[in-house]
Protein backbone atom coordinates (compact mmCIF):
# COMPACT_ATOMS: atom_id res chain seq x y z
CA MET A 1 -63.55 -19.98 4.32
CA LEU A 2 -64.65 -22.93 6.52
CA GLU A 3 -65.76 -20.81 9.27
CA SER A 4 -68.22 -19.03 6.81
CA TYR A 5 -69.99 -22.26 6.77
CA PHE A 6 -69.84 -23.66 10.38
CA VAL A 7 -70.59 -21.92 13.45
CA LYS A 8 -68.79 -23.56 16.08
CA PRO A 9 -64.88 -22.92 15.57
CA GLN A 10 -64.19 -26.39 16.53
CA THR A 11 -65.60 -27.92 13.47
CA ALA A 12 -63.33 -25.76 11.29
CA ASP A 13 -60.60 -26.73 13.31
CA GLN A 14 -61.62 -30.39 13.39
CA VAL A 15 -61.64 -30.18 9.35
CA ARG A 16 -58.28 -28.36 9.08
CA ALA A 17 -56.46 -31.36 11.49
CA ALA A 18 -57.72 -34.06 9.27
CA TRP A 19 -55.13 -35.42 6.93
CA ILE A 20 -56.46 -33.76 4.25
CA GLY A 21 -58.07 -30.97 5.33
CA ALA A 22 -55.95 -28.75 3.52
CA GLU A 23 -57.60 -30.35 0.23
CA ILE A 24 -61.03 -29.84 1.63
CA GLU A 25 -60.72 -26.35 2.55
CA ARG A 26 -59.11 -26.09 -0.86
CA TYR A 27 -62.31 -27.67 -2.37
CA VAL A 28 -64.71 -25.78 -0.30
CA VAL A 29 -62.96 -22.23 -1.74
CA TRP A 30 -63.75 -23.71 -5.33
CA LEU A 31 -67.42 -24.34 -4.53
CA ALA A 32 -67.85 -20.69 -2.82
CA GLU A 33 -66.23 -19.16 -5.92
CA HIS A 34 -68.35 -21.32 -8.14
CA GLY A 35 -71.54 -20.19 -6.37
CA TYR A 36 -72.51 -23.24 -4.46
CA ALA A 37 -75.09 -23.31 -1.90
CA SER A 38 -73.91 -23.15 1.93
CA ARG A 39 -76.42 -25.94 2.63
CA CYS A 40 -74.41 -28.18 -0.34
CA VAL A 41 -71.08 -27.18 1.51
CA GLU A 42 -72.34 -28.17 4.78
CA ARG A 43 -73.43 -31.62 3.70
CA ARG A 44 -70.29 -32.39 1.54
CA VAL A 45 -67.52 -31.46 4.00
CA PRO A 46 -68.72 -34.37 6.49
CA LEU A 47 -68.82 -36.54 3.35
CA LEU A 48 -65.25 -35.92 2.39
CA MET A 49 -63.98 -36.10 6.01
CA ALA A 50 -65.52 -39.68 6.22
CA PHE A 51 -63.72 -40.58 2.86
CA GLY A 52 -60.32 -39.29 3.87
CA GLU A 53 -60.60 -41.62 7.38
CA PHE A 54 -61.86 -44.34 4.88
CA ALA A 55 -58.80 -44.00 2.95
CA ARG A 56 -56.36 -43.21 5.80
CA ALA A 57 -57.97 -46.55 7.55
CA ALA A 58 -57.34 -48.69 4.06
CA GLY A 59 -53.84 -47.48 3.58
CA ALA A 60 -53.68 -44.15 2.09
CA GLY A 61 -50.47 -42.48 2.84
CA ALA A 62 -50.56 -39.55 0.44
CA VAL A 63 -53.44 -37.71 -1.29
CA GLU A 64 -52.37 -39.21 -4.66
CA ASP A 65 -53.50 -42.56 -3.23
CA LEU A 66 -56.95 -41.36 -2.65
CA PRO A 67 -58.13 -42.27 -6.37
CA ARG A 68 -57.68 -45.92 -5.67
CA TYR A 69 -60.25 -45.78 -2.67
CA VAL A 70 -62.80 -44.50 -4.15
CA GLU A 71 -65.18 -47.28 -5.02
CA PRO A 72 -64.69 -49.32 -2.02
CA PHE A 73 -65.95 -45.98 -0.18
CA VAL A 74 -68.67 -45.80 -2.38
CA ALA A 75 -69.75 -49.28 -2.30
CA GLY A 76 -69.49 -49.54 1.64
CA ARG A 77 -71.76 -46.44 2.08
CA VAL A 78 -74.25 -47.58 -0.83
CA ALA A 79 -74.59 -51.08 1.70
CA ARG A 80 -74.93 -49.11 4.55
CA HIS A 81 -78.01 -46.96 3.45
CA ARG A 82 -81.30 -47.17 4.84
CA GLY A 83 -83.06 -47.13 1.79
CA VAL A 84 -81.42 -49.82 -0.11
CA ARG A 85 -81.24 -52.03 2.34
CA ARG A 86 -84.76 -51.71 2.92
CA ALA A 87 -86.17 -51.93 -0.16
CA GLY A 88 -82.90 -53.39 -2.36
CA ASN A 89 -84.02 -50.79 -5.50
CA VAL A 90 -81.36 -50.67 -8.22
CA GLU A 91 -82.14 -47.49 -9.25
CA THR A 92 -81.89 -46.06 -5.69
CA ALA A 93 -78.35 -48.07 -5.10
CA ARG A 94 -77.56 -46.02 -8.40
CA GLN A 95 -78.65 -42.77 -6.91
CA VAL A 96 -77.20 -42.94 -3.66
CA ALA A 97 -73.72 -43.90 -5.55
CA ARG A 98 -73.99 -41.08 -7.56
CA GLU A 99 -74.57 -38.67 -4.84
CA VAL A 100 -71.36 -40.22 -3.06
CA ARG A 101 -69.03 -40.22 -5.88
CA GLY A 102 -69.75 -36.89 -7.28
CA PRO A 103 -68.40 -34.59 -4.51
CA VAL A 104 -65.40 -37.29 -3.67
CA GLU A 105 -64.80 -37.03 -7.47
CA GLN A 106 -65.04 -33.62 -8.01
CA MET A 107 -62.61 -32.82 -5.06
CA LEU A 108 -60.01 -35.37 -6.23
CA VAL A 109 -59.88 -33.37 -9.89
CA LEU A 110 -59.18 -30.50 -8.24
CA VAL A 111 -56.44 -31.60 -5.95
CA VAL A 112 -55.25 -34.74 -7.58
CA PRO A 113 -53.16 -33.80 -10.93
CA GLY A 114 -54.57 -36.09 -14.07
CA PHE A 115 -57.39 -37.73 -12.09
CA VAL A 116 -60.12 -38.34 -14.11
CA GLY A 117 -63.61 -39.41 -12.67
CA ARG A 118 -65.61 -42.02 -13.52
CA GLY A 119 -68.94 -40.18 -12.92
CA ARG A 120 -68.14 -37.98 -16.00
CA ARG A 121 -66.13 -38.66 -18.50
CA HIS A 122 -63.03 -35.86 -19.38
CA GLY A 123 -61.66 -35.58 -22.23
CA ASP A 124 -61.95 -37.01 -25.86
CA PRO A 125 -63.31 -40.21 -26.40
CA PHE A 126 -60.40 -42.95 -26.91
CA VAL A 127 -58.49 -40.69 -26.47
CA ASP A 128 -55.30 -43.53 -25.26
CA ALA A 129 -56.35 -46.17 -27.95
CA VAL A 130 -56.72 -43.36 -30.96
CA PRO A 131 -55.04 -40.30 -29.97
CA GLY A 132 -54.96 -38.52 -33.14
CA PHE A 133 -58.63 -38.49 -34.00
CA PHE A 134 -60.27 -35.52 -33.13
CA ALA A 135 -56.93 -33.56 -34.23
CA TYR A 136 -57.27 -35.18 -37.55
CA LEU A 137 -61.06 -34.08 -37.64
CA THR A 138 -59.87 -30.51 -37.26
CA SER A 139 -56.71 -30.24 -39.46
CA GLU A 140 -57.59 -32.69 -42.21
CA ARG A 141 -61.49 -32.80 -42.63
CA GLY A 142 -61.87 -29.19 -41.56
CA LEU A 143 -64.76 -29.67 -39.28
CA ARG A 144 -66.49 -26.99 -37.19
CA PRO A 145 -66.75 -27.04 -33.44
CA THR A 146 -70.52 -28.04 -33.03
CA THR A 147 -69.85 -30.85 -35.56
CA ILE A 148 -66.85 -32.27 -33.52
CA ARG A 149 -68.75 -32.06 -30.19
CA GLN A 150 -71.51 -34.45 -31.92
CA TYR A 151 -68.68 -36.97 -32.52
CA ARG A 152 -67.22 -36.68 -28.88
CA TYR A 153 -70.92 -37.76 -27.88
CA HIS A 154 -71.62 -40.37 -30.65
CA LEU A 155 -68.08 -41.97 -29.60
CA ALA A 156 -68.47 -41.43 -25.99
CA ARG A 157 -71.82 -43.75 -26.30
CA PHE A 158 -69.54 -46.22 -28.11
CA GLU A 159 -67.05 -46.25 -25.78
CA ARG A 160 -69.12 -47.07 -22.96
CA TYR A 161 -70.99 -49.43 -24.47
CA LEU A 162 -67.33 -51.13 -25.18
CA ASP A 163 -66.49 -50.64 -21.16
CA ARG A 164 -69.88 -52.49 -20.28
CA ILE A 165 -69.50 -55.42 -22.54
CA GLY A 166 -65.72 -55.51 -21.69
CA ALA A 167 -64.54 -55.41 -25.11
CA ARG A 168 -61.37 -53.61 -26.61
CA LEU A 169 -61.19 -51.59 -29.45
CA GLU A 170 -58.69 -54.36 -31.27
CA GLU A 171 -61.03 -56.95 -30.20
CA LEU A 172 -63.93 -55.27 -32.77
CA SER A 173 -66.29 -57.81 -34.92
CA PRO A 174 -69.10 -57.04 -37.23
CA ALA A 175 -71.20 -58.43 -34.37
CA LEU A 176 -70.29 -56.67 -31.86
CA ILE A 177 -70.83 -53.41 -33.81
CA SER A 178 -74.37 -54.57 -35.11
CA ALA A 179 -75.15 -55.26 -31.54
CA PHE A 180 -74.29 -51.65 -30.83
CA VAL A 181 -76.06 -50.03 -33.41
CA VAL A 182 -79.46 -52.35 -32.63
CA GLU A 183 -79.09 -50.64 -28.77
CA PHE A 184 -78.47 -47.27 -30.09
CA ALA A 185 -81.46 -47.17 -32.26
CA GLY A 186 -83.55 -49.07 -29.43
CA CYS A 187 -82.90 -45.66 -27.09
CA GLY A 188 -85.63 -43.50 -28.39
CA PHE A 189 -83.51 -41.69 -31.24
CA GLY A 190 -85.01 -40.63 -34.52
CA LYS A 191 -83.75 -42.47 -37.64
CA THR A 192 -81.83 -39.07 -38.63
CA THR A 193 -79.63 -38.86 -35.26
CA VAL A 194 -78.86 -42.83 -35.55
CA GLY A 195 -77.69 -42.56 -39.16
CA ILE A 196 -75.64 -39.56 -38.28
CA GLY A 197 -74.09 -41.38 -35.11
CA CYS A 198 -73.51 -44.22 -37.54
CA GLY A 199 -72.08 -41.76 -40.02
CA MET A 200 -69.26 -40.58 -37.46
CA LEU A 201 -68.37 -44.11 -36.11
CA ARG A 202 -68.00 -45.29 -39.74
CA VAL A 203 -65.23 -42.11 -40.01
CA PHE A 204 -63.65 -43.40 -36.98
CA LEU A 205 -63.31 -47.03 -37.61
CA ARG A 206 -61.92 -45.94 -40.81
CA TYR A 207 -59.25 -43.93 -39.25
CA ALA A 208 -58.45 -46.14 -36.65
CA HIS A 209 -58.02 -48.51 -39.47
CA ARG A 210 -55.66 -46.37 -41.23
CA GLU A 211 -53.57 -45.92 -37.88
CA GLY A 212 -53.07 -49.56 -37.61
CA VAL A 213 -55.39 -49.69 -34.07
CA ILE A 214 -57.68 -52.10 -36.05
CA SER A 215 -56.48 -54.88 -38.07
CA ARG A 216 -59.06 -54.21 -41.15
CA ASP A 217 -61.52 -51.83 -41.90
CA LEU A 218 -64.94 -52.34 -40.05
CA SER A 219 -66.82 -49.38 -41.14
CA ALA A 220 -69.09 -51.37 -43.94
CA ALA A 221 -70.28 -53.17 -40.74
CA VAL A 222 -71.88 -50.22 -39.59
CA GLU A 223 -75.50 -50.07 -40.95
CA ALA A 224 -77.53 -47.34 -40.58
CA PRO A 225 -81.45 -47.16 -40.92
CA GLN A 226 -82.58 -46.49 -44.33
CA THR A 227 -83.97 -42.63 -44.24
CA TYR A 228 -85.47 -40.73 -47.06
CA ARG A 229 -85.94 -37.10 -47.81
CA LEU A 230 -88.96 -35.42 -46.82
CA ALA A 231 -90.01 -38.78 -45.48
CA ASP A 232 -91.09 -36.88 -42.23
CA ILE A 233 -93.15 -34.19 -41.26
CA PRO A 234 -91.84 -31.50 -39.02
CA ARG A 235 -93.21 -31.49 -35.27
CA SER A 236 -94.79 -28.80 -34.65
CA ILE A 237 -97.55 -27.63 -32.23
CA SER A 238 -100.45 -24.80 -32.52
CA TRP A 239 -99.66 -21.31 -31.89
CA ALA A 240 -102.14 -22.41 -28.86
CA GLU A 241 -100.21 -25.16 -27.76
CA VAL A 242 -96.77 -22.86 -27.82
CA GLY A 243 -99.32 -20.58 -25.38
CA GLN A 244 -99.84 -23.90 -23.18
CA VAL A 245 -96.20 -24.40 -22.74
CA LEU A 246 -95.51 -20.52 -21.87
CA ALA A 247 -98.16 -20.88 -19.44
CA CYS A 248 -96.09 -23.32 -17.41
CA VAL A 249 -93.37 -21.70 -16.73
CA ASP A 250 -93.23 -20.00 -13.19
CA ARG A 251 -91.50 -16.65 -13.58
CA ARG A 252 -91.10 -16.14 -10.31
CA THR A 253 -87.53 -17.70 -10.25
CA PRO A 254 -84.44 -16.86 -11.81
CA ALA A 255 -84.63 -20.11 -13.67
CA GLY A 256 -88.22 -19.09 -14.58
CA LYS A 257 -87.36 -15.48 -15.94
CA ARG A 258 -84.49 -17.61 -18.01
CA ASP A 259 -86.57 -20.41 -19.39
CA TYR A 260 -89.31 -18.04 -20.50
CA ALA A 261 -87.02 -15.63 -22.51
CA ILE A 262 -85.43 -18.97 -24.16
CA LEU A 263 -88.80 -20.12 -24.99
CA LEU A 264 -90.00 -16.96 -26.52
CA LEU A 265 -86.93 -17.04 -28.52
CA LEU A 266 -87.44 -20.44 -29.85
CA SER A 267 -91.38 -19.85 -30.81
CA THR A 268 -90.79 -16.28 -31.94
CA TYR A 269 -87.49 -16.42 -34.19
CA GLY A 270 -87.17 -20.43 -34.76
CA LEU A 271 -83.59 -19.79 -33.77
CA ARG A 272 -81.80 -23.51 -32.73
CA SER A 273 -80.58 -23.98 -29.50
CA ARG A 274 -77.08 -23.67 -30.06
CA GLU A 275 -77.42 -20.29 -31.28
CA ILE A 276 -79.62 -19.50 -28.27
CA ALA A 277 -76.54 -20.53 -26.17
CA ALA A 278 -74.08 -18.62 -27.93
CA LEU A 279 -75.85 -15.32 -27.59
CA THR A 280 -74.24 -12.34 -25.68
CA LEU A 281 -74.76 -9.35 -24.34
CA ASP A 282 -73.31 -7.61 -27.48
CA ASP A 283 -76.06 -9.52 -29.71
CA ILE A 284 -78.62 -7.24 -28.25
CA ASP A 285 -79.09 -3.73 -29.35
CA TRP A 286 -81.18 -1.72 -27.24
CA GLN A 287 -80.68 1.28 -28.95
CA HIS A 288 -82.22 0.18 -32.35
CA ASP A 289 -84.33 -2.76 -31.01
CA ARG A 290 -82.79 -5.36 -33.08
CA LEU A 291 -81.11 -8.83 -32.01
CA ALA A 292 -78.18 -10.20 -33.99
CA VAL A 293 -77.77 -14.08 -34.42
CA SER A 294 -73.96 -13.97 -35.41
CA SER A 295 -73.25 -17.99 -35.36
CA ARG A 296 -75.56 -19.80 -37.50
CA LYS A 297 -75.30 -23.17 -39.15
CA ALA A 298 -75.15 -21.92 -42.27
CA GLY A 299 -72.38 -19.65 -41.50
CA HIS A 300 -73.56 -16.32 -42.02
CA SER A 301 -75.23 -14.02 -39.18
CA THR A 302 -78.74 -12.54 -39.17
CA ALA A 303 -80.34 -9.52 -37.48
CA PHE A 304 -84.21 -9.58 -36.18
CA PRO A 305 -86.27 -6.66 -35.10
CA LEU A 306 -86.49 -7.36 -31.09
CA SER A 307 -90.32 -7.90 -30.46
CA ARG A 308 -91.35 -5.80 -27.26
CA THR A 309 -92.78 -9.30 -25.33
CA VAL A 310 -89.15 -10.74 -25.89
CA GLY A 311 -87.25 -7.61 -24.93
CA GLU A 312 -89.06 -7.44 -21.74
CA ALA A 313 -88.52 -11.01 -20.92
CA LEU A 314 -84.65 -10.54 -21.61
CA ILE A 315 -84.75 -7.44 -19.55
CA ASP A 316 -86.62 -9.17 -16.46
CA TYR A 317 -84.25 -12.21 -16.78
CA LEU A 318 -80.81 -10.14 -16.86
CA ARG A 319 -82.14 -7.70 -14.02
CA HIS A 320 -83.68 -10.36 -11.94
CA GLY A 321 -82.52 -13.58 -12.71
CA ARG A 322 -78.66 -13.52 -14.43
CA PRO A 323 -76.01 -14.03 -12.05
CA GLU A 324 -73.27 -11.48 -11.22
CA THR A 325 -70.45 -12.42 -13.74
CA ASP A 326 -68.18 -10.97 -16.14
CA SER A 327 -69.28 -13.49 -18.73
CA ARG A 328 -71.08 -11.41 -21.87
CA ARG A 329 -72.64 -14.74 -22.64
CA VAL A 330 -76.50 -13.99 -21.97
CA PHE A 331 -78.14 -17.30 -20.33
CA PHE A 332 -76.42 -18.96 -17.12
CA ARG A 333 -77.00 -22.04 -15.11
CA ALA A 334 -79.48 -21.45 -12.37
CA VAL A 335 -77.68 -23.88 -9.88
CA ALA A 336 -73.73 -24.17 -8.98
CA PRO A 337 -71.49 -24.29 -10.74
CA VAL A 338 -72.72 -20.64 -12.36
CA GLU A 339 -71.26 -21.10 -16.05
CA PRO A 340 -72.88 -20.35 -19.24
CA ILE A 341 -75.67 -22.88 -20.20
CA GLU A 342 -75.07 -25.54 -23.53
CA TYR A 343 -77.41 -26.11 -26.23
CA ALA A 344 -78.31 -29.49 -24.62
CA ALA A 345 -79.71 -27.49 -21.72
CA VAL A 346 -81.89 -25.20 -23.85
CA SER A 347 -83.39 -28.28 -25.79
CA SER A 348 -83.73 -29.74 -22.39
CA ARG A 349 -85.88 -26.89 -20.43
CA ALA A 350 -87.84 -27.04 -24.05
CA ARG A 351 -88.74 -30.71 -23.45
CA HIS A 352 -89.27 -29.86 -19.39
CA TYR A 353 -92.10 -27.68 -20.49
CA LEU A 354 -93.58 -29.18 -23.50
CA LEU A 355 -94.34 -32.22 -21.35
CA ALA A 356 -95.27 -30.22 -18.20
CA ALA A 357 -97.87 -28.71 -20.59
CA GLY A 358 -99.28 -32.07 -21.74
CA ILE A 359 -98.32 -31.76 -25.47
CA GLN A 360 -98.05 -34.88 -27.04
CA VAL A 361 -95.16 -34.77 -29.87
CA ALA A 362 -92.79 -36.92 -31.25
CA ARG A 363 -89.20 -36.33 -29.66
CA PRO A 364 -90.22 -33.18 -27.60
CA GLY A 365 -87.22 -30.53 -27.64
CA SER A 366 -86.20 -26.83 -28.87
CA HIS A 367 -87.01 -28.25 -32.60
CA THR A 368 -90.62 -28.45 -31.63
CA LEU A 369 -90.71 -24.96 -31.38
CA ARG A 370 -88.63 -23.90 -34.19
CA HIS A 371 -91.02 -25.92 -36.15
CA SER A 372 -94.07 -24.11 -34.79
CA CYS A 373 -92.27 -20.61 -35.52
CA VAL A 374 -91.94 -21.87 -39.22
CA GLN A 375 -95.63 -23.74 -39.30
CA ARG A 376 -97.02 -19.68 -38.14
CA LEU A 377 -95.21 -18.53 -41.21
CA VAL A 378 -96.58 -21.42 -43.55
CA ASP A 379 -100.20 -20.36 -42.09
CA ALA A 380 -99.41 -16.74 -42.98
CA ASP A 381 -98.30 -17.38 -46.72
CA VAL A 382 -95.11 -16.29 -46.42
CA SER A 383 -93.02 -18.02 -49.24
CA LEU A 384 -90.46 -20.84 -48.66
CA LYS A 385 -87.30 -18.67 -49.63
CA LEU A 386 -88.28 -16.02 -47.00
CA ILE A 387 -88.99 -18.62 -44.41
CA GLY A 388 -85.79 -20.04 -45.58
CA ASP A 389 -84.08 -16.98 -44.92
CA PHE A 390 -85.32 -16.38 -41.72
CA VAL A 391 -84.57 -19.70 -39.60
CA GLY A 392 -81.25 -19.59 -41.23
CA HIS A 393 -81.37 -22.48 -43.53
CA ARG A 394 -78.27 -23.56 -45.62
CA SER A 395 -80.03 -24.90 -48.83
CA PRO A 396 -83.48 -23.92 -49.90
CA ARG A 397 -84.07 -27.79 -50.09
CA SER A 398 -83.87 -27.83 -46.52
CA THR A 399 -87.02 -25.74 -46.62
CA GLU A 400 -89.00 -27.67 -49.07
CA VAL A 401 -89.96 -30.31 -46.10
CA TYR A 402 -92.47 -27.31 -44.86
CA ARG A 403 -94.69 -27.70 -48.06
CA LYS A 404 -96.11 -30.74 -45.71
CA VAL A 405 -97.17 -28.06 -43.21
CA ALA A 406 -99.24 -26.05 -45.27
CA VAL A 407 -102.45 -27.31 -43.96
CA GLU A 408 -105.23 -25.17 -45.13
CA SER A 409 -104.06 -25.48 -48.65
CA LEU A 410 -103.93 -29.43 -48.41
CA ARG A 411 -107.54 -29.22 -46.93
CA GLU A 412 -108.74 -27.61 -49.58
CA ILE A 413 -107.14 -29.62 -52.33
CA ALA A 414 -108.75 -32.75 -50.22
CA LEU A 415 -112.14 -31.08 -50.13
CA GLY A 416 -112.47 -30.01 -53.63
CA ASP A 417 -110.83 -31.09 -56.78
CA GLY A 418 -107.57 -28.45 -56.07
CA GLU A 419 -107.45 -27.03 -59.79
CA GLU A 420 -107.24 -23.81 -58.38
CA ILE A 421 -104.39 -24.63 -56.03
CA LEU A 422 -102.71 -26.50 -58.28
CA SER A 423 -102.63 -24.15 -61.40
């Protein structure tokens, strides 16, 4: 495998002669299997060779000893980096550290059993301190996998906060919890997101107290921001602005072909990001021009007529952008490793193009285009019941907020006496 990337035979021989040569070659095979580019492999192998020599000189005698030398190696590379020395920029130092630590930890995850890297959390947060929590969410509370993923996300943020301030779970106090909530609320999240995170933290704290991990129930110390039903308006954009967003996509590249199809699905059908990420080839019925959405939030499925524009975009991506794979999922990462995209990536791409188009909207993301789809239906005088069924709302109450975006009707009320509309 090494000969595929290095022209000179002696280079491959030099790698194999290293004391961790077998581990490096195993990692190279893994990179090739996951679609990493040749230039990526060629950059990483010398770095791993340097790491192996550093660890050996520092006293490593076996592969299992390597993890303890990761941070000293990263610190040394950062200190010697010319850009860091010259500018002294903290963000530059962090970027260099990530670029060094990433390949090293990725190889160690592959070759050292049980290794967990610092660069990215693996497994459930608080798995050592409160090992049964996520099993409790599944077995006792019966939560859906998507909801459990939200628990992982919010609790991982709380775990990182405690790690940063050097506090253990047993040392929690109302003051520490309040400080975390204040920091969380100041990160740019909406009140609803902060409220959901706080609710999940309360559940976790009650369970930790029940299991005796913390001495008292601190769930009451989690004070979420006050939110009111129908207080906000949907963050939609005009249909002309949707066109501007679509025009920003470079459809000549595989990533652009994928993103264009995703944006059309968001704006045409008002799908959620997780519904798009979960689409499979079996959901597209080309013979009858139908698109099935089988895993909606409300627990039901929906079948849409497959519009010509969306169908052509999907065909373009499937033929010229989607990587060769045995998976039935539709949308994949455009860079290695070749894996199906997750719902966070769908929202991230929507945000990217909204910003690229210069669209000013609060919290840009996939829901912006979902709301824009609904706005168009409201403007066409479609009933709220039909709109709710179309976008997959679990309850009619979820659709009520769209009364606020009936712009033309509200304008008539403002300009006249409004008697005809209100009657």
